[in-house]
Amino acid sequence: MSSFFRWFGGGNKEKDTAKDTIVKFQEMLSLFDKKEEKLEKQIEQQNEIARKNATANKRLALTALKRKKMYEAELAKIEGSRNNIEQQLYTIQNANLNFETLQAMRQGADAMKKIQKGMDADKVDQIMDRIRDQQAVSEEISTMISTPIGLNADMDEDELTAELEELQQVELDNKMLGAEKPPIHAPSLPSTGKVPTLPSVQKPQVLDEEEELRKLQAEFSM
């Protein structure tokens, strides 16, 4: 890499950078494009002149063919130069990419060194021990604060829950036993002595036992 940069200058002269060289090569390739386009047009023109005067004016036709050959030789030289420039440009671009990559990696290493300065495994382990100790203290304080005091301190939540369920069951049993069917009254006979047709007695609606249980449980859960 250092020999590559020395190749473009030395001593007290201003040295071209890789990017400047790439720009110059690209400008040369653009110039070659214009020159090749012009020569191709000239070759086509001379070929047309030679074709039209092949029988009518042989001298003019031969002159046009000579110019055509000259233009073709010049075009071949330019194509050769183009190939050389393109090859060098490709090499320089790769070298510049490698150089930029190396520079980025060096900067990254320096940044990591600065960030990790003053840090080692023992210090990190000590810091983590402090964090764990503080977390343990915080959990202990939280447990102490959340512990019931006064009348609620000695109460057993499971025992209270069981007692509440027992009361609910007793209330449910009382409601089931206290459900009565509606009475049926027989109509009085008229004075004519004829036995009237008794109206149909509507049977009381008997609630389904499971439905009643569900309603009662819903009342207690409210």
Protein backbone atom coordinates (compact mmCIF):
# COMPACT_ATOMS: atom_id res chain seq x y z
CA MET A 1 0.00 0.00 0.00
CA SER A 2 2.80 2.46 0.87
CA SER A 3 4.56 1.73 -2.44
CA PHE A 4 1.29 2.45 -4.21
CA PHE A 5 1.08 5.95 -2.74
CA ARG A 6 4.79 6.62 -3.30
CA TRP A 7 4.30 5.77 -6.97
CA PHE A 8 2.15 8.89 -7.42
CA GLY A 9 4.68 11.34 -6.04
CA GLY A 10 7.62 11.84 -3.75
CA GLY A 11 9.91 14.39 -2.20
CA ASN A 12 8.38 17.79 -1.64
CA LYS A 13 5.86 17.50 -4.49
CA GLU A 14 2.19 17.38 -3.66
CA LYS A 15 1.09 13.73 -3.71
CA ASP A 16 -2.12 12.62 -5.34
CA THR A 17 -4.49 10.65 -3.18
CA ALA A 18 -6.14 7.46 -4.34
CA LYS A 19 -9.47 9.20 -4.78
CA ASP A 20 -7.92 11.93 -6.94
CA THR A 21 -6.30 9.29 -9.13
CA ILE A 22 -9.60 7.47 -9.54
CA VAL A 23 -11.26 10.71 -10.66
CA LYS A 24 -8.50 11.37 -13.20
CA PHE A 25 -8.77 7.87 -14.65
CA GLN A 26 -12.54 8.22 -14.96
CA GLU A 27 -12.08 11.50 -16.81
CA MET A 28 -9.65 9.80 -19.20
CA LEU A 29 -12.13 7.03 -19.89
CA SER A 30 -14.80 9.62 -20.65
CA LEU A 31 -12.40 11.31 -23.08
CA PHE A 32 -11.70 7.95 -24.74
CA ASP A 33 -15.44 7.44 -25.22
CA LYS A 34 -15.77 10.72 -27.10
CA LYS A 35 -12.68 10.03 -29.21
CA GLU A 36 -13.84 6.53 -30.12
CA GLU A 37 -17.28 7.81 -31.09
CA LYS A 38 -15.73 10.41 -33.39
CA LEU A 39 -13.37 7.90 -35.04
CA GLU A 40 -16.19 5.42 -35.64
CA LYS A 41 -18.16 8.12 -37.45
CA GLN A 42 -15.12 9.04 -39.55
CA ILE A 43 -14.53 5.41 -40.47
CA GLU A 44 -18.16 5.05 -41.55
CA GLN A 45 -17.94 8.24 -43.66
CA GLN A 46 -14.76 7.13 -45.47
CA ASN A 47 -16.22 3.70 -46.07
CA GLU A 48 -19.31 5.29 -47.63
CA ILE A 49 -17.15 7.51 -49.87
CA ALA A 50 -15.13 4.50 -51.04
CA ARG A 51 -18.26 2.49 -51.77
CA LYS A 52 -19.90 5.24 -53.85
CA ASN A 53 -16.75 5.96 -55.90
CA ALA A 54 -15.53 2.38 -56.30
CA THR A 55 -16.21 2.44 -60.07
CA ALA A 56 -16.75 6.10 -60.91
CA ASN A 57 -13.59 7.55 -59.24
CA LYS A 58 -11.13 4.88 -58.15
CA ARG A 59 -8.54 7.44 -56.99
CA LEU A 60 -11.00 9.06 -54.58
CA ALA A 61 -12.14 5.64 -53.43
CA LEU A 62 -8.54 4.57 -52.65
CA THR A 63 -7.90 7.80 -50.74
CA ALA A 64 -11.04 7.19 -48.66
CA LEU A 65 -9.90 3.65 -47.90
CA LYS A 66 -6.47 4.91 -46.76
CA ARG A 67 -8.10 7.37 -44.39
CA LYS A 68 -10.35 4.61 -43.16
CA LYS A 69 -7.34 2.42 -42.32
CA MET A 70 -5.67 5.33 -40.52
CA TYR A 71 -8.76 5.95 -38.41
CA GLU A 72 -9.07 2.25 -37.64
CA ALA A 73 -5.43 2.11 -36.46
CA GLU A 74 -6.01 5.13 -34.21
CA LEU A 75 -9.15 3.53 -32.86
CA ALA A 76 -7.24 0.34 -32.03
CA LYS A 77 -4.62 2.36 -30.10
CA ILE A 78 -7.31 4.10 -28.09
CA GLU A 79 -8.99 0.80 -27.29
CA GLY A 80 -5.65 -0.55 -26.04
CA SER A 81 -5.12 2.50 -23.86
CA ARG A 82 -8.65 2.16 -22.55
CA ASN A 83 -8.02 -1.43 -21.50
CA ASN A 84 -4.87 -0.41 -19.62
CA ILE A 85 -6.61 2.46 -17.85
CA GLU A 86 -9.59 0.30 -16.90
CA GLN A 87 -7.28 -2.34 -15.44
CA GLN A 88 -5.35 0.24 -13.42
CA LEU A 89 -8.57 1.88 -12.27
CA TYR A 90 -9.91 -1.44 -11.06
CA THR A 91 -6.67 -2.13 -9.14
CA ILE A 92 -6.64 1.34 -7.56
CA GLN A 93 -10.28 1.11 -6.54
CA ASN A 94 -9.65 -2.22 -4.81
CA ALA A 95 -6.53 -0.85 -3.13
CA ASN A 96 -8.42 2.23 -1.97
CA LEU A 97 -11.25 0.07 -0.60
CA ASN A 98 -8.76 -2.04 1.32
CA PHE A 99 -7.09 1.09 2.66
CA GLU A 100 -10.40 2.63 3.79
CA THR A 101 -11.43 -0.66 5.39
CA LEU A 102 -8.14 -0.86 7.28
CA GLN A 103 -8.53 2.73 8.46
CA ALA A 104 -12.07 2.03 9.72
CA MET A 105 -10.90 -1.08 11.56
CA ARG A 106 -8.04 0.85 13.15
CA GLN A 107 -10.42 3.59 14.30
CA GLY A 108 -12.78 0.98 15.69
CA ALA A 109 -9.95 -0.64 17.66
CA ASP A 110 -8.90 2.75 19.06
CA ALA A 111 -12.48 3.54 20.06
CA MET A 112 -12.86 0.21 21.85
CA LYS A 113 -9.56 0.80 23.64
CA LYS A 114 -10.73 4.20 24.89
CA ILE A 115 -14.12 2.85 25.98
CA GLN A 116 -12.58 -0.05 27.89
CA LYS A 117 -9.85 2.07 29.45
CA GLY A 118 -9.86 1.68 33.23
CA MET A 119 -12.06 -1.42 33.09
CA ASP A 120 -11.05 -4.95 33.96
CA ALA A 121 -12.76 -8.19 34.87
CA ASP A 122 -12.19 -7.77 38.63
CA LYS A 123 -13.79 -4.31 38.70
CA VAL A 124 -16.74 -5.47 36.64
CA ASP A 125 -17.24 -8.43 39.00
CA GLN A 126 -17.17 -6.10 42.01
CA ILE A 127 -19.77 -3.82 40.43
CA MET A 128 -22.04 -6.78 39.69
CA ASP A 129 -21.70 -7.95 43.33
CA ARG A 130 -22.81 -4.51 44.50
CA ILE A 131 -25.80 -4.59 42.18
CA ARG A 132 -26.86 -8.03 43.45
CA ASP A 133 -26.50 -6.88 47.07
CA GLN A 134 -28.64 -3.82 46.47
CA GLN A 135 -31.28 -5.92 44.71
CA ALA A 136 -31.41 -8.27 47.71
CA VAL A 137 -31.81 -5.33 50.10
CA SER A 138 -34.57 -3.86 47.92
CA GLU A 139 -36.47 -7.16 47.86
CA GLU A 140 -36.15 -7.50 51.66
CA ILE A 141 -37.50 -3.98 52.20
CA SER A 142 -40.37 -4.64 49.78
CA THR A 143 -41.29 -7.82 51.68
CA MET A 144 -41.24 -6.00 55.01
CA ILE A 145 -43.43 -3.18 53.71
CA SER A 146 -46.01 -5.55 52.22
CA THR A 147 -46.34 -7.72 55.39
CA PRO A 148 -49.75 -7.15 57.12
CA ILE A 149 -49.74 -5.51 60.52
CA GLY A 150 -52.31 -5.13 63.34
CA LEU A 151 -55.50 -7.21 63.16
CA ASN A 152 -54.74 -8.50 59.67
CA ALA A 153 -51.34 -9.89 60.65
CA ASP A 154 -52.66 -13.14 62.20
CA MET A 155 -55.44 -13.80 59.70
CA ASP A 156 -55.23 -16.85 57.49
CA GLU A 157 -56.54 -16.06 54.01
CA ASP A 158 -57.20 -19.73 53.21
CA GLU A 159 -59.21 -20.16 56.42
CA LEU A 160 -61.32 -17.09 55.62
CA THR A 161 -61.95 -18.32 52.10
CA ALA A 162 -63.08 -21.74 53.36
CA GLU A 163 -65.43 -20.12 55.89
CA LEU A 164 -66.96 -17.92 53.18
CA GLU A 165 -67.57 -20.94 50.92
CA GLU A 166 -69.27 -22.74 53.81
CA LEU A 167 -71.62 -19.78 54.37
CA GLN A 168 -72.43 -19.68 50.68
CA GLN A 169 -73.33 -23.38 50.69
CA VAL A 170 -75.61 -22.96 53.73
CA GLU A 171 -77.41 -20.06 52.10
CA LEU A 172 -77.80 -22.05 48.90
CA ASP A 173 -79.28 -25.02 50.78
CA ASN A 174 -81.76 -22.76 52.63
CA LYS A 175 -83.02 -21.24 49.39
CA MET A 176 -83.44 -24.66 47.79
CA LEU A 177 -85.45 -26.00 50.79
CA GLY A 178 -87.59 -22.85 51.09
CA ALA A 179 -88.86 -23.01 47.50
CA GLU A 180 -92.67 -23.73 47.66
CA LYS A 181 -95.08 -24.68 44.92
CA PRO A 182 -98.05 -22.26 44.34
CA PRO A 183 -101.41 -23.58 45.80
CA ILE A 184 -104.21 -24.74 43.52
CA HIS A 185 -107.79 -23.51 44.49
CA ALA A 186 -110.88 -25.45 43.30
CA PRO A 187 -113.73 -23.23 42.02
CA SER A 188 -117.08 -23.16 43.93
CA LEU A 189 -120.09 -24.95 42.38
CA PRO A 190 -122.99 -22.76 41.10
CA SER A 191 -126.60 -23.08 42.54
CA THR A 192 -128.02 -24.65 39.40
CA GLY A 193 -126.71 -28.04 40.44
CA LYS A 194 -124.89 -28.52 37.20
CA VAL A 195 -121.30 -29.38 37.43
CA PRO A 196 -119.47 -26.78 35.43
CA THR A 197 -116.46 -27.58 33.42
CA LEU A 198 -113.41 -26.86 35.49
CA PRO A 199 -110.91 -24.52 33.94
CA SER A 200 -107.57 -25.98 33.18
CA VAL A 201 -105.16 -25.45 35.99
CA GLN A 202 -101.83 -24.08 34.93
CA LYS A 203 -99.05 -26.15 36.39
CA PRO A 204 -96.50 -24.14 38.32
CA GLN A 205 -93.23 -23.71 36.56
CA VAL A 206 -90.57 -25.79 38.23
CA LEU A 207 -87.19 -24.27 37.99
CA ASP A 208 -84.42 -26.54 36.95
CA GLU A 209 -82.23 -27.32 39.93
CA GLU A 210 -78.98 -26.71 38.06
CA GLU A 211 -80.26 -23.37 36.75
CA GLU A 212 -81.19 -22.32 40.30
CA LEU A 213 -77.72 -23.24 41.50
CA ARG A 214 -76.11 -21.17 38.78
CA LYS A 215 -78.23 -18.11 39.66
CA LEU A 216 -77.37 -18.39 43.34
CA GLN A 217 -73.67 -18.74 42.60
CA ALA A 218 -73.82 -15.69 40.39
CA GLU A 219 -75.42 -13.70 43.25
CA PHE A 220 -72.67 -14.67 45.66
CA SER A 221 -69.90 -13.85 43.18
CA MET A 222 -71.15 -10.25 42.77
